[in-house]
Structures are given as structure tokens and as C-alpha cells.
Amino acid sequence: MYSTSFPDTGQKEKLRQLAASIARFSTSDGTHPTDFPPLSLIRSAEDAVPVYTVYEPSICLVAQGSKRVLLGDETYRYGPSQYFAVSVELPISGEVTEASNELPYLAVRLRIDPQQVLELIRESGPTPRGATSRGLYVSEAASGMLDAFLRLVRLLETPDDLDVLAPMAAREIVYRALRDSQGQAIRQMAPGAGHAASVAEAIRRIRERYNENLRIDELAENVGMSPSSLHRRFREVTAMSPLQFQKQIRLQEARRMLLSEPVQAAEAAFRVGYESPSQFNREYVRLFGRPPLADIRRLKKLPENRTASER
């Protein structure tokens, strides 16, 4: 899925100011936490290898550079003045596609609280319930959203104001995302908001017990859906079946183990739930492009900031 953006003069100035503020608080490549925990700043000075991770519900706005993310077989591209919204936890690979030392990729990410989404829906009045939507999308950031992000990042310069004013700016950002033409994807993450909320609960259960055999009938019963409805709604939100989702979680966790712990591929395979090392190797190659040993050797030769997770 492709998306293009042509910021006007006013937006370009706001993006320039936002990029300057992000750069001030992220002097090295990587993902940087801030004194306002839901907010993080992202910087990359070069096109990087794909980063495989599980994205939390969040809104990520690009101030400079561009990025590509993949969910299953779907591709999403976004650049300056566009934001990437994720409403449920999804295994995604992300890759910076436009960056340099002079003009690094700069972005800001705000974690979304489903309870806050529910509160905003109640306060702003009922909205028509749409069909179950994909759990992520790319959209243009309107002037109001750019303003709110700029205020939020600038508050890092006045820490004494963070506790009071940062939640207000963050709340405005979520509100404006809800009002977007694609805001259904975020509205559906509110507790009790229908099938997508049940899918979010299924995702949570799969993530907690990813190394166990997945019993679809049991999972469907636990989230209050029929097995056929769970399959259909799960694919609508995540672009994959529950079993494919579990497989990606297992492989990403195995890769993390191999990178950070003294384990062999066979042991990592067993720990994440595989009974057959050969099946693990085949599926590892299919997702990451290389056998486990070759993949980990390559990653360990890269600078740390190019292999860091964006969790």
C-alpha cells in the first residue's frame, strides 16, 4: 500500500520545527524514551536493515525522512506529515528508506491507551460503528495534529510542565486520530467495542502463551466468538490467521534469544514451541531470509543501533 504526501508551506515549517525538537533530544540513532513515558523519539541517520518487532498500539508521526513497514504481505510507506497508527499489537517489520547524516530520519511515537480511547468516544458523542478494520493505517496529519505533536515534544524542554500539560497534548492527538476518516481502526480498540476488541483479547492470549499449542476452539470460546468468526475477524484486523500470527511471534522471539542469549538454534526452537528443528529452520528462512546461524552472524556484525528493536 503506497501513500504520498505533499506538505504545504505551513506544514513544512511545523515539520522543520518538530524535526529540530526531535533532533535536540535524540542525538544518536535508535529509539529514545522520554520523561513522558508514552512518548518516544526515533532517529536513524542511514537506511537500516529491516527491524522485526511487535508494535504496540501507537501513533507514529514522521517529521523527516521516510519509512516502509510490512504486515504479512502488505506494504505501507509513509513520510513527512504522515502518521502511522497501530491499534492492536502486531508483528511488523520496519525499514527506514530515506535518511542521511545531514537529514536523518526523525519521528515521534505516542503510545495509545485503549481506556483513553473509550473515554474520548464517550465524551465526543456516539459515532457510527463501522466494519472491522485493519489494525493499522497510514494517514495525513492535519494541521491540528501537527500542532499537538509539536507542543508535546516542546514540553520536553520544560520538565516541570510535563505532568500537567503532556497528557492534555497526548489526549488531543488521540482525539484527532479518532476524527480522521480512518479513525475506525482506533475506535475499534476501545474495550467492549465489538469484534475488534475480541480480536485484541485473542492477540493478548496468543502473545502470553505463544510457546504452547494453539487451540482455536478454546481461544474462540475464551474471547466469546465462534471459531469461524474468530478466523475471519482476526484476519481482517491483522492480515493473517491466528496460527500465522503465533508463528511470527515465535520466530521473532527465537531471533531475540539467539541475538541476546547463549543458546543454539535447536534450543531456541524448542523454547518457543517448535518440536521440529527442521521446520523451525525452514520457517525462519522464510521470514528472515537466511538460516538462523547465518542471520545472527550477520546481525552481530552490524552496529548496535541498526539491529535494535523498536518495541
Protein backbone atom coordinates (compact mmCIF):
# COMPACT_ATOMS: atom_id res chain seq x y z
CA MET A 1 0.00 0.00 0.00
CA TYR A 2 1.54 3.25 -1.13
CA SER A 3 0.93 6.70 0.25
CA THR A 4 2.25 10.03 -0.91
CA SER A 5 2.46 13.32 0.93
CA PHE A 6 2.98 16.89 -0.28
CA PRO A 7 3.09 19.20 2.76
CA ASP A 8 2.15 22.83 2.13
CA THR A 9 4.32 25.74 3.26
CA GLY A 10 2.74 25.97 6.72
CA GLN A 11 3.11 22.25 7.31
CA LYS A 12 6.72 22.31 6.15
CA GLU A 13 7.57 24.95 8.75
CA LYS A 14 5.86 22.96 11.52
CA LEU A 15 7.70 19.82 10.40
CA ARG A 16 11.00 21.69 10.39
CA GLN A 17 10.38 22.83 13.96
CA LEU A 18 9.29 19.35 15.02
CA ALA A 19 12.36 17.77 13.42
CA ALA A 20 14.61 20.26 15.24
CA SER A 21 12.98 19.42 18.58
CA ILE A 22 13.27 15.68 17.99
CA ALA A 23 16.93 16.05 16.99
CA ARG A 24 17.63 18.05 20.14
CA PHE A 25 16.56 15.13 22.35
CA SER A 26 17.84 12.24 20.19
CA THR A 27 21.48 12.86 19.34
CA SER A 28 22.21 9.24 18.41
CA ASP A 29 20.46 6.66 16.28
CA GLY A 30 17.81 4.50 17.91
CA THR A 31 14.56 4.80 19.82
CA HIS A 32 14.78 7.19 22.76
CA PRO A 33 12.41 7.15 25.74
CA THR A 34 11.42 10.50 27.22
CA ASP A 35 10.38 11.86 30.60
CA PHE A 36 6.78 11.43 29.42
CA PRO A 37 6.62 7.60 29.26
CA PRO A 38 4.02 7.23 26.45
CA LEU A 39 6.25 9.33 24.18
CA SER A 40 9.41 8.17 22.40
CA LEU A 41 11.62 9.76 19.77
CA ILE A 42 13.17 7.89 16.84
CA ARG A 43 16.28 8.79 14.85
CA SER A 44 18.19 6.99 12.11
CA ALA A 45 20.97 8.52 10.02
CA GLU A 46 21.04 5.78 7.40
CA ASP A 47 18.85 3.29 5.63
CA ALA A 48 18.75 0.35 8.00
CA VAL A 49 18.16 -3.38 7.81
CA PRO A 50 14.54 -4.38 8.50
CA VAL A 51 13.66 -4.43 12.19
CA TYR A 52 11.21 -7.15 13.20
CA THR A 53 9.22 -6.44 16.32
CA VAL A 54 5.75 -6.37 17.83
CA TYR A 55 4.31 -2.87 17.60
CA GLU A 56 2.19 -1.69 20.49
CA PRO A 57 -0.93 0.41 19.87
CA SER A 58 0.55 3.78 18.95
CA ILE A 59 0.64 6.75 16.61
CA CYS A 60 3.96 7.46 14.88
CA LEU A 61 4.40 10.78 13.07
CA VAL A 62 7.30 11.35 10.66
CA ALA A 63 8.96 14.77 10.71
CA GLN A 64 11.83 13.96 8.33
CA GLY A 65 12.78 11.03 6.09
CA SER A 66 10.60 8.06 5.18
CA LYS A 67 9.93 4.50 6.22
CA ARG A 68 8.38 1.28 4.99
CA VAL A 69 6.62 -1.28 7.15
CA LEU A 70 5.37 -4.73 6.26
CA LEU A 71 2.47 -6.61 7.79
CA GLY A 72 2.19 -10.05 6.29
CA ASP A 73 2.12 -9.46 2.54
CA GLU A 74 1.04 -5.82 2.85
CA THR A 75 3.41 -2.87 2.47
CA TYR A 76 2.85 0.60 3.93
CA ARG A 77 5.04 3.61 3.14
CA TYR A 78 4.95 6.94 4.93
CA GLY A 79 6.96 10.15 5.08
CA PRO A 80 6.87 13.72 6.40
CA SER A 81 3.49 14.93 7.71
CA GLN A 82 2.09 11.41 7.61
CA TYR A 83 1.37 9.26 10.61
CA PHE A 84 1.26 5.51 11.03
CA ALA A 85 -1.36 4.27 13.50
CA VAL A 86 -1.43 0.81 15.08
CA SER A 87 -4.49 -0.13 17.12
CA VAL A 88 -3.58 -3.67 18.25
CA GLU A 89 -0.31 -5.45 18.92
CA LEU A 90 1.02 -6.58 15.55
CA PRO A 91 4.23 -8.33 14.42
CA ILE A 92 5.64 -5.92 11.85
CA SER A 93 8.94 -5.35 10.11
CA GLY A 94 10.01 -1.74 9.65
CA GLU A 95 12.75 -0.29 7.45
CA VAL A 96 13.96 3.29 7.08
CA THR A 97 14.08 4.08 3.35
CA GLU A 98 15.22 7.72 3.31
CA ALA A 99 17.86 9.05 5.70
CA SER A 100 21.36 10.51 5.78
CA ASN A 101 23.77 12.07 8.27
CA GLU A 102 22.70 15.51 7.09
CA LEU A 103 18.97 14.70 7.08
CA PRO A 104 18.33 11.75 9.40
CA TYR A 105 15.01 10.00 9.70
CA LEU A 106 13.21 11.67 12.62
CA ALA A 107 9.89 10.56 14.05
CA VAL A 108 7.87 10.74 17.23
CA ARG A 109 5.74 7.90 18.59
CA LEU A 110 2.91 8.14 21.11
CA ARG A 111 1.62 5.00 22.79
CA ILE A 112 -2.18 4.73 22.85
CA ASP A 113 -4.16 3.68 25.92
CA PRO A 114 -7.38 1.80 24.95
CA GLN A 115 -9.12 3.13 28.08
CA GLN A 116 -8.42 6.70 26.97
CA VAL A 117 -9.89 5.88 23.57
CA LEU A 118 -13.08 4.69 25.29
CA GLU A 119 -13.27 7.88 27.37
CA LEU A 120 -12.84 10.08 24.29
CA ILE A 121 -15.55 8.19 22.43
CA ARG A 122 -17.95 8.70 25.33
CA GLU A 123 -17.14 12.41 25.64
CA SER A 124 -17.23 13.25 21.93
CA GLY A 125 -20.56 11.57 21.36
CA PRO A 126 -21.52 8.34 19.61
CA THR A 127 -20.14 7.63 16.17
CA PRO A 128 -21.47 5.09 13.69
CA ARG A 129 -19.87 1.70 14.20
CA GLY A 130 -18.06 0.71 11.05
CA ALA A 131 -16.93 -2.66 9.81
CA THR A 132 -13.93 -4.32 11.45
CA SER A 133 -10.85 -2.55 10.09
CA ARG A 134 -7.22 -3.49 9.62
CA GLY A 135 -5.35 -2.74 12.84
CA LEU A 136 -3.02 -0.22 11.20
CA TYR A 137 -3.14 2.53 8.61
CA VAL A 138 -1.23 5.48 7.15
CA SER A 139 -2.89 8.90 7.01
CA GLU A 140 -2.12 12.57 6.51
CA ALA A 141 -1.63 14.53 9.72
CA ALA A 142 -3.89 17.57 9.67
CA SER A 143 -2.60 20.90 10.94
CA GLY A 144 -4.19 20.38 14.36
CA MET A 145 -2.40 17.07 14.89
CA LEU A 146 0.94 18.57 13.83
CA ASP A 147 0.39 21.41 16.31
CA ALA A 148 -0.38 18.97 19.13
CA PHE A 149 2.70 16.84 18.43
CA LEU A 150 4.87 19.94 18.27
CA ARG A 151 3.54 21.18 21.63
CA LEU A 152 4.06 17.76 23.17
CA VAL A 153 7.69 17.41 22.07
CA ARG A 154 8.50 21.01 23.04
CA LEU A 155 7.26 20.27 26.56
CA LEU A 156 10.40 18.15 26.99
CA GLU A 157 12.23 21.49 27.24
CA THR A 158 10.20 22.40 30.36
CA PRO A 159 10.08 19.23 32.50
CA ASP A 160 8.13 20.96 35.28
CA ASP A 161 5.18 21.27 32.89
CA LEU A 162 5.15 17.67 31.68
CA ASP A 163 2.92 16.12 34.33
CA VAL A 164 0.10 18.60 33.71
CA LEU A 165 0.35 19.59 30.06
CA ALA A 166 1.75 16.49 28.30
CA PRO A 167 -1.34 14.34 28.98
CA MET A 168 -3.50 17.12 27.52
CA ALA A 169 -1.48 17.26 24.30
CA ALA A 170 -1.41 13.46 24.05
CA ARG A 171 -5.17 13.32 24.56
CA GLU A 172 -5.65 15.83 21.73
CA ILE A 173 -3.52 13.74 19.39
CA VAL A 174 -5.62 10.64 20.05
CA TYR A 175 -8.82 12.66 19.68
CA ARG A 176 -7.72 13.98 16.30
CA ALA A 177 -6.79 10.49 15.15
CA LEU A 178 -10.26 9.31 16.15
CA ARG A 179 -11.77 12.06 14.00
CA ASP A 180 -9.71 11.03 10.98
CA SER A 181 -11.50 9.37 8.07
CA GLN A 182 -9.69 6.14 9.04
CA GLY A 183 -10.30 6.60 12.77
CA GLN A 184 -12.48 3.49 12.92
CA ALA A 185 -9.27 1.48 13.27
CA ILE A 186 -8.57 3.27 16.57
CA ARG A 187 -12.20 3.45 17.74
CA GLN A 188 -12.44 -0.32 17.48
CA MET A 189 -9.65 -0.81 20.04
CA ALA A 190 -11.80 0.58 22.87
CA PRO A 191 -12.80 -2.05 25.46
CA GLY A 192 -16.16 -3.53 24.56
CA ALA A 193 -16.13 -2.02 21.06
CA GLY A 194 -17.14 -5.21 19.27
CA HIS A 195 -15.31 -7.85 17.26
CA ALA A 196 -12.01 -5.98 17.04
CA ALA A 197 -11.82 -5.72 20.84
CA SER A 198 -12.32 -9.51 20.98
CA VAL A 199 -9.52 -9.92 18.43
CA ALA A 200 -7.30 -7.73 20.62
CA GLU A 201 -8.02 -10.07 23.54
CA ALA A 202 -7.18 -13.08 21.36
CA ILE A 203 -3.89 -11.41 20.42
CA ARG A 204 -3.09 -10.85 24.08
CA ARG A 205 -3.73 -14.51 24.88
CA ILE A 206 -1.63 -15.73 21.95
CA ARG A 207 1.27 -13.48 22.97
CA GLU A 208 1.14 -14.67 26.59
CA ARG A 209 1.16 -18.36 25.59
CA TYR A 210 2.92 -18.24 22.24
CA ASN A 211 5.06 -21.32 23.00
CA GLU A 212 2.03 -23.56 23.63
CA ASN A 213 -0.09 -25.39 21.07
CA LEU A 214 -2.79 -23.05 19.80
CA ARG A 215 -6.29 -24.49 20.18
CA ILE A 216 -8.58 -22.34 18.08
CA ASP A 217 -11.81 -23.70 19.59
CA GLU A 218 -10.60 -22.88 23.09
CA LEU A 219 -9.31 -19.45 22.09
CA ALA A 220 -12.58 -18.60 20.34
CA GLU A 221 -14.60 -19.62 23.38
CA ASN A 222 -12.38 -17.53 25.68
CA VAL A 223 -12.99 -14.37 23.63
CA GLY A 224 -16.69 -15.01 23.04
CA MET A 225 -16.59 -15.83 19.33
CA SER A 226 -17.19 -18.85 17.14
CA PRO A 227 -14.06 -20.40 15.58
CA SER A 228 -15.14 -19.31 12.08
CA SER A 229 -15.88 -15.76 13.22
CA LEU A 230 -12.55 -15.57 15.04
CA HIS A 231 -10.66 -16.64 11.91
CA ARG A 232 -12.47 -14.11 9.76
CA ARG A 233 -12.25 -11.15 12.16
CA PHE A 234 -8.66 -11.95 13.15
CA ARG A 235 -7.57 -11.83 9.52
CA GLU A 236 -9.49 -8.58 8.94
CA VAL A 237 -7.59 -6.88 11.76
CA THR A 238 -4.13 -8.48 11.46
CA ALA A 239 -3.88 -9.61 7.79
CA MET A 240 -3.07 -13.13 8.99
CA SER A 241 -4.66 -16.13 10.68
CA PRO A 242 -4.18 -16.82 14.42
CA LEU A 243 -1.71 -19.61 13.57
CA GLN A 244 0.29 -17.34 11.24
CA PHE A 245 0.30 -14.66 13.93
CA GLN A 246 1.61 -17.13 16.52
CA LYS A 247 4.29 -18.29 14.09
CA GLN A 248 5.60 -14.74 13.62
CA ILE A 249 5.64 -14.17 17.39
CA ARG A 250 7.56 -17.42 17.89
CA LEU A 251 10.13 -16.63 15.21
CA GLN A 252 10.70 -13.09 16.43
CA GLU A 253 11.17 -14.33 19.99
CA ALA A 254 13.59 -17.05 18.82
CA ARG A 255 15.60 -14.44 16.94
CA ARG A 256 15.73 -12.25 20.05
CA MET A 257 17.03 -15.22 22.08
CA LEU A 258 19.70 -16.03 19.51
CA LEU A 259 20.87 -12.42 19.49
CA SER A 260 20.93 -11.86 23.24
CA GLU A 261 21.37 -15.25 24.93
CA PRO A 262 23.96 -18.05 24.64
CA VAL A 263 21.58 -20.57 23.01
CA GLN A 264 21.76 -22.80 19.96
CA ALA A 265 19.12 -22.66 17.24
CA ALA A 266 17.63 -26.01 18.25
CA GLU A 267 17.23 -24.89 21.86
CA ALA A 268 15.65 -21.60 20.82
CA ALA A 269 13.26 -23.51 18.55
CA PHE A 270 12.21 -25.78 21.39
CA ARG A 271 11.76 -22.89 23.83
CA VAL A 272 9.40 -21.00 21.53
CA GLY A 273 7.28 -24.08 20.88
CA TYR A 274 8.72 -25.87 17.85
CA GLU A 275 9.03 -29.65 18.05
CA SER A 276 10.92 -29.98 14.76
CA PRO A 277 14.23 -28.09 14.29
CA SER A 278 14.00 -28.58 10.53
CA GLN A 279 10.54 -26.97 10.43
CA PHE A 280 11.89 -24.11 12.56
CA ASN A 281 14.80 -23.59 10.14
CA ARG A 282 12.51 -23.56 7.11
CA GLU A 283 10.11 -21.04 8.62
CA TYR A 284 12.97 -18.91 9.96
CA VAL A 285 14.45 -18.63 6.46
CA ARG A 286 11.03 -17.82 5.01
CA LEU A 287 10.59 -14.86 7.38
CA PHE A 288 14.14 -13.53 7.81
CA GLY A 289 15.74 -14.60 4.53
CA ARG A 290 18.63 -16.62 5.99
CA PRO A 291 19.16 -19.68 8.22
CA PRO A 292 19.39 -18.84 11.94
CA LEU A 293 23.18 -19.10 12.26
CA ALA A 294 23.92 -17.01 9.16
CA ASP A 295 21.29 -14.45 10.11
CA ILE A 296 22.61 -13.97 13.64
CA ARG A 297 26.23 -13.76 12.47
CA ARG A 298 25.24 -11.03 10.02
CA LEU A 299 23.26 -9.08 12.62
CA LYS A 300 26.04 -9.23 15.20
CA LYS A 301 28.42 -7.60 12.72
CA LEU A 302 26.12 -4.60 12.34
CA PRO A 303 26.30 -1.55 14.62
CA GLU A 304 24.00 -1.92 17.62
CA ASN A 305 21.68 0.89 16.55
CA ARG A 306 20.92 -0.89 13.28
CA THR A 307 19.64 -4.05 14.97
CA ALA A 308 17.93 -2.55 17.98
CA SER A 309 14.28 -3.44 18.48
CA GLU A 310 11.65 -0.71 18.28
CA ARG A 311 9.49 -2.18 21.00
